Amino acid sequence: METLTRSSSQISTLTVEDVAELATRLEIDDYSNPFEGLNDWHLLRAIAFQRPELAEPYLYLLDIETYDEA
């Protein structure tokens, strides 16, 4: 399974289809080594911060929880 690696400037060029493919790879979780999956997870996380409209349907894959620091 081939993972995507992108710089911050390249994230702006990603399409809905690219993010859907990334999410599918994360859901299938059939990587040849754990670092490939981690790279995809970090990429989805970067997309969620820089282009949240693309990552919104896949936020469940990030398992991000809000914390109350009060």
PDB file of N, CA and C in Angstrom:
ATOM      1  N   MET A   1       0.853  -1.167   0.000  1.00  0.00           N
ATOM      2  CA  MET A   1       0.000   0.000   0.000  1.00  0.00           C
ATOM      3  C   MET A   1       0.898   1.230   0.000  1.00  0.00           C
ATOM      4  N   GLU A   2       0.630   2.158  -0.886  1.00  0.00           N
ATOM      5  CA  GLU A   2       1.460   3.347  -1.010  1.00  0.00           C
ATOM      6  C   GLU A   2       0.882   4.493  -0.181  1.00  0.00           C
ATOM      7  N   THR A   3       1.727   5.094   0.633  1.00  0.00           N
ATOM      8  CA  THR A   3       1.274   6.218   1.446  1.00  0.00           C
ATOM      9  C   THR A   3       1.608   7.525   0.747  1.00  0.00           C
ATOM     10  N   LEU A   4       0.862   8.565   1.098  1.00  0.00           N
ATOM     11  CA  LEU A   4       1.115   9.890   0.563  1.00  0.00           C
ATOM     12  C   LEU A   4       1.930  10.684   1.559  1.00  0.00           C
ATOM     13  N   THR A   5       2.913  11.391   1.072  1.00  0.00           N
ATOM     14  CA  THR A   5       3.621  12.340   1.918  1.00  0.00           C
ATOM     15  C   THR A   5       3.558  13.675   1.202  1.00  0.00           C
ATOM     16  N   ARG A   6       3.152  14.689   1.930  1.00  0.00           N
ATOM     17  CA  ARG A   6       2.980  16.008   1.337  1.00  0.00           C
ATOM     18  C   ARG A   6       3.547  17.063   2.268  1.00  0.00           C
ATOM     19  N   SER A   7       4.078  18.119   1.664  1.00  0.00           N
ATOM     20  CA  SER A   7       4.491  19.258   2.460  1.00  0.00           C
ATOM     21  C   SER A   7       3.264  20.128   2.716  1.00  0.00           C
ATOM     22  N   SER A   8       3.416  21.078   3.601  1.00  0.00           N
ATOM     23  CA  SER A   8       2.303  21.960   3.937  1.00  0.00           C
ATOM     24  C   SER A   8       1.760  22.682   2.711  1.00  0.00           C
ATOM     25  N   SER A   9       2.634  23.090   1.822  1.00  0.00           N
ATOM     26  CA  SER A   9       2.172  23.796   0.626  1.00  0.00           C
ATOM     27  C   SER A   9       1.416  22.875  -0.324  1.00  0.00           C
ATOM     28  N   GLN A  10       1.746  21.593  -0.320  1.00  0.00           N
ATOM     29  CA  GLN A  10       1.072  20.649  -1.199  1.00  0.00           C
ATOM     30  C   GLN A  10      -0.311  20.268  -0.674  1.00  0.00           C
ATOM     31  N   ILE A  11      -0.545  20.425   0.607  1.00  0.00           N
ATOM     32  CA  ILE A  11      -1.853  20.100   1.170  1.00  0.00           C
ATOM     33  C   ILE A  11      -2.927  20.970   0.541  1.00  0.00           C
ATOM     34  N   SER A  12      -2.565  22.175   0.163  1.00  0.00           N
ATOM     35  CA  SER A  12      -3.542  23.075  -0.455  1.00  0.00           C
ATOM     36  C   SER A  12      -4.008  22.579  -1.817  1.00  0.00           C
ATOM     37  N   THR A  13      -3.275  21.659  -2.426  1.00  0.00           N
ATOM     38  CA  THR A  13      -3.657  21.153  -3.747  1.00  0.00           C
ATOM     39  C   THR A  13      -4.441  19.850  -3.688  1.00  0.00           C
ATOM     40  N   LEU A  14      -4.617  19.286  -2.490  1.00  0.00           N
ATOM     41  CA  LEU A  14      -5.336  18.020  -2.361  1.00  0.00           C
ATOM     42  C   LEU A  14      -6.810  18.186  -2.714  1.00  0.00           C
ATOM     43  N   THR A  15      -7.379  17.152  -3.298  1.00  0.00           N
ATOM     44  CA  THR A  15      -8.786  17.166  -3.671  1.00  0.00           C
ATOM     45  C   THR A  15      -9.590  16.301  -2.701  1.00  0.00           C
ATOM     46  N   VAL A  16     -10.895  16.382  -2.834  1.00  0.00           N
ATOM     47  CA  VAL A  16     -11.789  15.551  -2.028  1.00  0.00           C
ATOM     48  C   VAL A  16     -11.472  14.079  -2.272  1.00  0.00           C
ATOM     49  N   GLU A  17     -11.179  13.727  -3.501  1.00  0.00           N
ATOM     50  CA  GLU A  17     -10.869  12.333  -3.855  1.00  0.00           C
ATOM     51  C   GLU A  17      -9.568  11.872  -3.193  1.00  0.00           C
ATOM     52  N   ASP A  18      -8.564  12.751  -3.137  1.00  0.00           N
ATOM     53  CA  ASP A  18      -7.298  12.400  -2.488  1.00  0.00           C
ATOM     54  C   ASP A  18      -7.511  12.082  -1.015  1.00  0.00           C
ATOM     55  N   VAL A  19      -8.304  12.911  -0.347  1.00  0.00           N
ATOM     56  CA  VAL A  19      -8.552  12.718   1.076  1.00  0.00           C
ATOM     57  C   VAL A  19      -9.398  11.466   1.300  1.00  0.00           C
ATOM     58  N   ALA A  20     -10.342  11.204   0.414  1.00  0.00           N
ATOM     59  CA  ALA A  20     -11.153   9.992   0.530  1.00  0.00           C
ATOM     60  C   ALA A  20     -10.277   8.749   0.376  1.00  0.00           C
ATOM     61  N   GLU A  21      -9.321   8.784  -0.542  1.00  0.00           N
ATOM     62  CA  GLU A  21      -8.390   7.658  -0.731  1.00  0.00           C
ATOM     63  C   GLU A  21      -7.533   7.463   0.519  1.00  0.00           C
ATOM     64  N   LEU A  22      -7.070   8.553   1.089  1.00  0.00           N
ATOM     65  CA  LEU A  22      -6.284   8.497   2.320  1.00  0.00           C
ATOM     66  C   LEU A  22      -7.102   7.878   3.450  1.00  0.00           C
ATOM     67  N   ALA A  23      -8.339   8.319   3.597  1.00  0.00           N
ATOM     68  CA  ALA A  23      -9.217   7.789   4.648  1.00  0.00           C
ATOM     69  C   ALA A  23      -9.494   6.303   4.434  1.00  0.00           C
ATOM     70  N   THR A  24      -9.659   5.899   3.198  1.00  0.00           N
ATOM     71  CA  THR A  24      -9.894   4.487   2.901  1.00  0.00           C
ATOM     72  C   THR A  24      -8.702   3.645   3.324  1.00  0.00           C
ATOM     73  N   ARG A  25      -7.486   4.122   3.027  1.00  0.00           N
ATOM     74  CA  ARG A  25      -6.290   3.390   3.450  1.00  0.00           C
ATOM     75  C   ARG A  25      -6.234   3.264   4.964  1.00  0.00           C
ATOM     76  N   LEU A  26      -6.579   4.354   5.658  1.00  0.00           N
ATOM     77  CA  LEU A  26      -6.564   4.308   7.122  1.00  0.00           C
ATOM     78  C   LEU A  26      -7.617   3.348   7.660  1.00  0.00           C
ATOM     79  N   GLU A  27      -8.775   3.306   7.028  1.00  0.00           N
ATOM     80  CA  GLU A  27      -9.829   2.390   7.471  1.00  0.00           C
ATOM     81  C   GLU A  27      -9.446   0.938   7.243  1.00  0.00           C
ATOM     82  N   ILE A  28      -8.851   0.653   6.106  1.00  0.00           N
ATOM     83  CA  ILE A  28      -8.447  -0.720   5.778  1.00  0.00           C
ATOM     84  C   ILE A  28      -7.298  -1.166   6.682  1.00  0.00           C
ATOM     85  N   ASP A  29      -6.378  -0.259   6.968  1.00  0.00           N
ATOM     86  CA  ASP A  29      -5.266  -0.511   7.883  1.00  0.00           C
ATOM     87  C   ASP A  29      -4.464  -1.742   7.477  1.00  0.00           C
ATOM     88  N   ASP A  30      -4.088  -1.801   6.202  1.00  0.00           N
ATOM     89  CA  ASP A  30      -3.312  -2.926   5.688  1.00  0.00           C
ATOM     90  C   ASP A  30      -1.960  -2.397   5.195  1.00  0.00           C
ATOM     91  N   TYR A  31      -1.167  -1.898   6.114  1.00  0.00           N
ATOM     92  CA  TYR A  31       0.128  -1.324   5.779  1.00  0.00           C
ATOM     93  C   TYR A  31       1.214  -2.376   5.970  1.00  0.00           C
ATOM     94  N   SER A  32       2.281  -2.245   5.196  1.00  0.00           N
ATOM     95  CA  SER A  32       3.375  -3.203   5.323  1.00  0.00           C
ATOM     96  C   SER A  32       4.200  -2.966   6.576  1.00  0.00           C
ATOM     97  N   ASN A  33       4.154  -1.739   7.118  1.00  0.00           N
ATOM     98  CA  ASN A  33       4.797  -1.465   8.400  1.00  0.00           C
ATOM     99  C   ASN A  33       4.013  -0.372   9.113  1.00  0.00           C
ATOM    100  N   PRO A  34       4.139  -0.281  10.420  1.00  0.00           N
ATOM    101  CA  PRO A  34       3.328   0.675  11.179  1.00  0.00           C
ATOM    102  C   PRO A  34       3.627   2.135  10.855  1.00  0.00           C
ATOM    103  N   PHE A  35       4.799   2.416  10.348  1.00  0.00           N
ATOM    104  CA  PHE A  35       5.160   3.796  10.062  1.00  0.00           C
ATOM    105  C   PHE A  35       4.394   4.363   8.866  1.00  0.00           C
ATOM    106  N   GLU A  36       4.036   3.499   7.926  1.00  0.00           N
ATOM    107  CA  GLU A  36       3.228   3.961   6.792  1.00  0.00           C
ATOM    108  C   GLU A  36       1.866   4.436   7.274  1.00  0.00           C
ATOM    109  N   GLY A  37       1.250   3.680   8.163  1.00  0.00           N
ATOM    110  CA  GLY A  37      -0.034   4.076   8.722  1.00  0.00           C
ATOM    111  C   GLY A  37       0.084   5.355   9.527  1.00  0.00           C
ATOM    112  N   LEU A  38       1.159   5.472  10.276  1.00  0.00           N
ATOM    113  CA  LEU A  38       1.385   6.677  11.058  1.00  0.00           C
ATOM    114  C   LEU A  38       1.581   7.897  10.158  1.00  0.00           C
ATOM    115  N   ASN A  39       2.281   7.712   9.044  1.00  0.00           N
ATOM    116  CA  ASN A  39       2.453   8.810   8.086  1.00  0.00           C
ATOM    117  C   ASN A  39       1.107   9.265   7.527  1.00  0.00           C
ATOM    118  N   ASP A  40       0.257   8.310   7.176  1.00  0.00           N
ATOM    119  CA  ASP A  40      -1.076   8.674   6.672  1.00  0.00           C
ATOM    120  C   ASP A  40      -1.895   9.382   7.743  1.00  0.00           C
ATOM    121  N   TRP A  41      -1.787   8.905   8.983  1.00  0.00           N
ATOM    122  CA  TRP A  41      -2.530   9.527  10.080  1.00  0.00           C
ATOM    123  C   TRP A  41      -2.082  10.967  10.281  1.00  0.00           C
ATOM    124  N   HIS A  42      -0.759  11.196  10.239  1.00  0.00           N
ATOM    125  CA  HIS A  42      -0.237  12.556  10.391  1.00  0.00           C
ATOM    126  C   HIS A  42      -0.656  13.443   9.223  1.00  0.00           C
ATOM    127  N   LEU A  43      -0.712  12.878   8.046  1.00  0.00           N
ATOM    128  CA  LEU A  43      -1.161  13.657   6.893  1.00  0.00           C
ATOM    129  C   LEU A  43      -2.621  14.054   7.049  1.00  0.00           C
ATOM    130  N   LEU A  44      -3.467  13.129   7.463  1.00  0.00           N
ATOM    131  CA  LEU A  44      -4.876  13.463   7.672  1.00  0.00           C
ATOM    132  C   LEU A  44      -5.013  14.512   8.766  1.00  0.00           C
ATOM    133  N   ARG A  45      -4.213  14.415   9.788  1.00  0.00           N
ATOM    134  CA  ARG A  45      -4.246  15.398  10.867  1.00  0.00           C
ATOM    135  C   ARG A  45      -3.836  16.775  10.354  1.00  0.00           C
ATOM    136  N   ALA A  46      -2.801  16.836   9.528  1.00  0.00           N
ATOM    137  CA  ALA A  46      -2.371  18.113   8.947  1.00  0.00           C
ATOM    138  C   ALA A  46      -3.464  18.698   8.064  1.00  0.00           C
ATOM    139  N   ILE A  47      -4.129  17.836   7.302  1.00  0.00           N
ATOM    140  CA  ILE A  47      -5.236  18.289   6.453  1.00  0.00           C
ATOM    141  C   ILE A  47      -6.353  18.841   7.330  1.00  0.00           C
ATOM    142  N   ALA A  48      -6.635  18.182   8.452  1.00  0.00           N
ATOM    143  CA  ALA A  48      -7.701  18.630   9.347  1.00  0.00           C
ATOM    144  C   ALA A  48      -7.419  20.018   9.893  1.00  0.00           C
ATOM    145  N   PHE A  49      -6.168  20.350  10.111  1.00  0.00           N
ATOM    146  CA  PHE A  49      -5.820  21.674  10.619  1.00  0.00           C
ATOM    147  C   PHE A  49      -5.791  22.722   9.505  1.00  0.00           C
ATOM    148  N   GLN A  50      -5.288  22.346   8.330  1.00  0.00           N
ATOM    149  CA  GLN A  50      -5.117  23.316   7.256  1.00  0.00           C
ATOM    150  C   GLN A  50      -6.323  23.437   6.343  1.00  0.00           C
ATOM    151  N   ARG A  51      -7.033  22.336   6.141  1.00  0.00           N
ATOM    152  CA  ARG A  51      -8.207  22.342   5.259  1.00  0.00           C
ATOM    153  C   ARG A  51      -9.309  21.518   5.905  1.00  0.00           C
ATOM    154  N   PRO A  52      -9.876  22.013   6.998  1.00  0.00           N
ATOM    155  CA  PRO A  52     -10.837  21.228   7.775  1.00  0.00           C
ATOM    156  C   PRO A  52     -12.056  20.772   6.993  1.00  0.00           C
ATOM    157  N   GLU A  53     -12.431  21.493   5.961  1.00  0.00           N
ATOM    158  CA  GLU A  53     -13.599  21.096   5.171  1.00  0.00           C
ATOM    159  C   GLU A  53     -13.375  19.765   4.454  1.00  0.00           C
ATOM    160  N   LEU A  54     -12.137  19.446   4.130  1.00  0.00           N
ATOM    161  CA  LEU A  54     -11.828  18.176   3.466  1.00  0.00           C
ATOM    162  C   LEU A  54     -11.793  17.013   4.452  1.00  0.00           C
ATOM    163  N   ALA A  55     -11.330  17.275   5.649  1.00  0.00           N
ATOM    164  CA  ALA A  55     -11.145  16.197   6.623  1.00  0.00           C
ATOM    165  C   ALA A  55     -12.362  15.967   7.503  1.00  0.00           C
ATOM    166  N   GLU A  56     -13.322  16.865   7.479  1.00  0.00           N
ATOM    167  CA  GLU A  56     -14.463  16.768   8.395  1.00  0.00           C
ATOM    168  C   GLU A  56     -15.159  15.405   8.374  1.00  0.00           C
ATOM    169  N   PRO A  57     -15.417  14.804   7.217  1.00  0.00           N
ATOM    170  CA  PRO A  57     -16.093  13.498   7.233  1.00  0.00           C
ATOM    171  C   PRO A  57     -15.256  12.367   7.850  1.00  0.00           C
ATOM    172  N   TYR A  58     -13.970  12.606   8.037  1.00  0.00           N
ATOM    173  CA  TYR A  58     -13.065  11.546   8.485  1.00  0.00           C
ATOM    174  C   TYR A  58     -12.437  11.835   9.843  1.00  0.00           C
ATOM    175  N   LEU A  59     -12.969  12.778  10.576  1.00  0.00           N
ATOM    176  CA  LEU A  59     -12.390  13.132  11.873  1.00  0.00           C
ATOM    177  C   LEU A  59     -12.407  11.965  12.853  1.00  0.00           C
ATOM    178  N   TYR A  60     -13.353  11.057  12.698  1.00  0.00           N
ATOM    179  CA  TYR A  60     -13.397   9.885  13.586  1.00  0.00           C
ATOM    180  C   TYR A  60     -12.125   9.049  13.484  1.00  0.00           C
ATOM    181  N   LEU A  61     -11.427   9.129  12.360  1.00  0.00           N
ATOM    182  CA  LEU A  61     -10.179   8.377  12.197  1.00  0.00           C
ATOM    183  C   LEU A  61      -9.037   8.981  13.010  1.00  0.00           C
ATOM    184  N   LEU A  62      -9.174  10.239  13.377  1.00  0.00           N
ATOM    185  CA  LEU A  62      -8.113  10.913  14.118  1.00  0.00           C
ATOM    186  C   LEU A  62      -8.242  10.722  15.620  1.00  0.00           C
ATOM    187  N   ASP A  63      -9.426  10.393  16.073  1.00  0.00           N
ATOM    188  CA  ASP A  63      -9.650  10.149  17.499  1.00  0.00           C
ATOM    189  C   ASP A  63      -9.177  11.326  18.348  1.00  0.00           C
ATOM    190  N   ILE A  64      -9.534  12.526  17.902  1.00  0.00           N
ATOM    191  CA  ILE A  64      -9.172  13.739  18.622  1.00  0.00           C
ATOM    192  C   ILE A  64     -10.265  14.039  19.635  1.00  0.00           C
ATOM    193  N   GLU A  65      -9.876  14.222  20.868  1.00  0.00           N
ATOM    194  CA  GLU A  65     -10.818  14.543  21.920  1.00  0.00           C
ATOM    195  C   GLU A  65     -10.518  15.929  22.462  1.00  0.00           C
ATOM    196  N   THR A  66     -11.549  16.643  22.835  1.00  0.00           N
ATOM    197  CA  THR A  66     -11.332  17.932  23.469  1.00  0.00           C
ATOM    198  C   THR A  66     -11.078  17.704  24.951  1.00  0.00           C
ATOM    199  N   TYR A  67     -10.218  18.492  25.495  1.00  0.00           N
ATOM    200  CA  TYR A  67      -9.861  18.362  26.901  1.00  0.00           C
ATOM    201  C   TYR A  67     -10.211  19.643  27.630  1.00  0.00           C
ATOM    202  N   ASP A  68     -10.758  19.495  28.805  1.00  0.00           N
ATOM    203  CA  ASP A  68     -11.078  20.628  29.657  1.00  0.00           C
ATOM    204  C   ASP A  68      -9.932  20.776  30.640  1.00  0.00           C
ATOM    205  N   GLU A  69      -9.145  21.808  30.451  1.00  0.00           N
ATOM    206  CA  GLU A  69      -7.968  21.992  31.298  1.00  0.00           C
ATOM    207  C   GLU A  69      -8.276  22.817  32.535  1.00  0.00           C
ATOM    208  N   ALA A  70      -9.535  23.083  32.772  1.00  0.00           N
ATOM    209  CA  ALA A  70      -9.909  23.896  33.944  1.00  0.00           C
ATOM    210  C   ALA A  70      -9.771  23.129  35.229  1.00  0.00           C
TER     211      ALA A  70
END
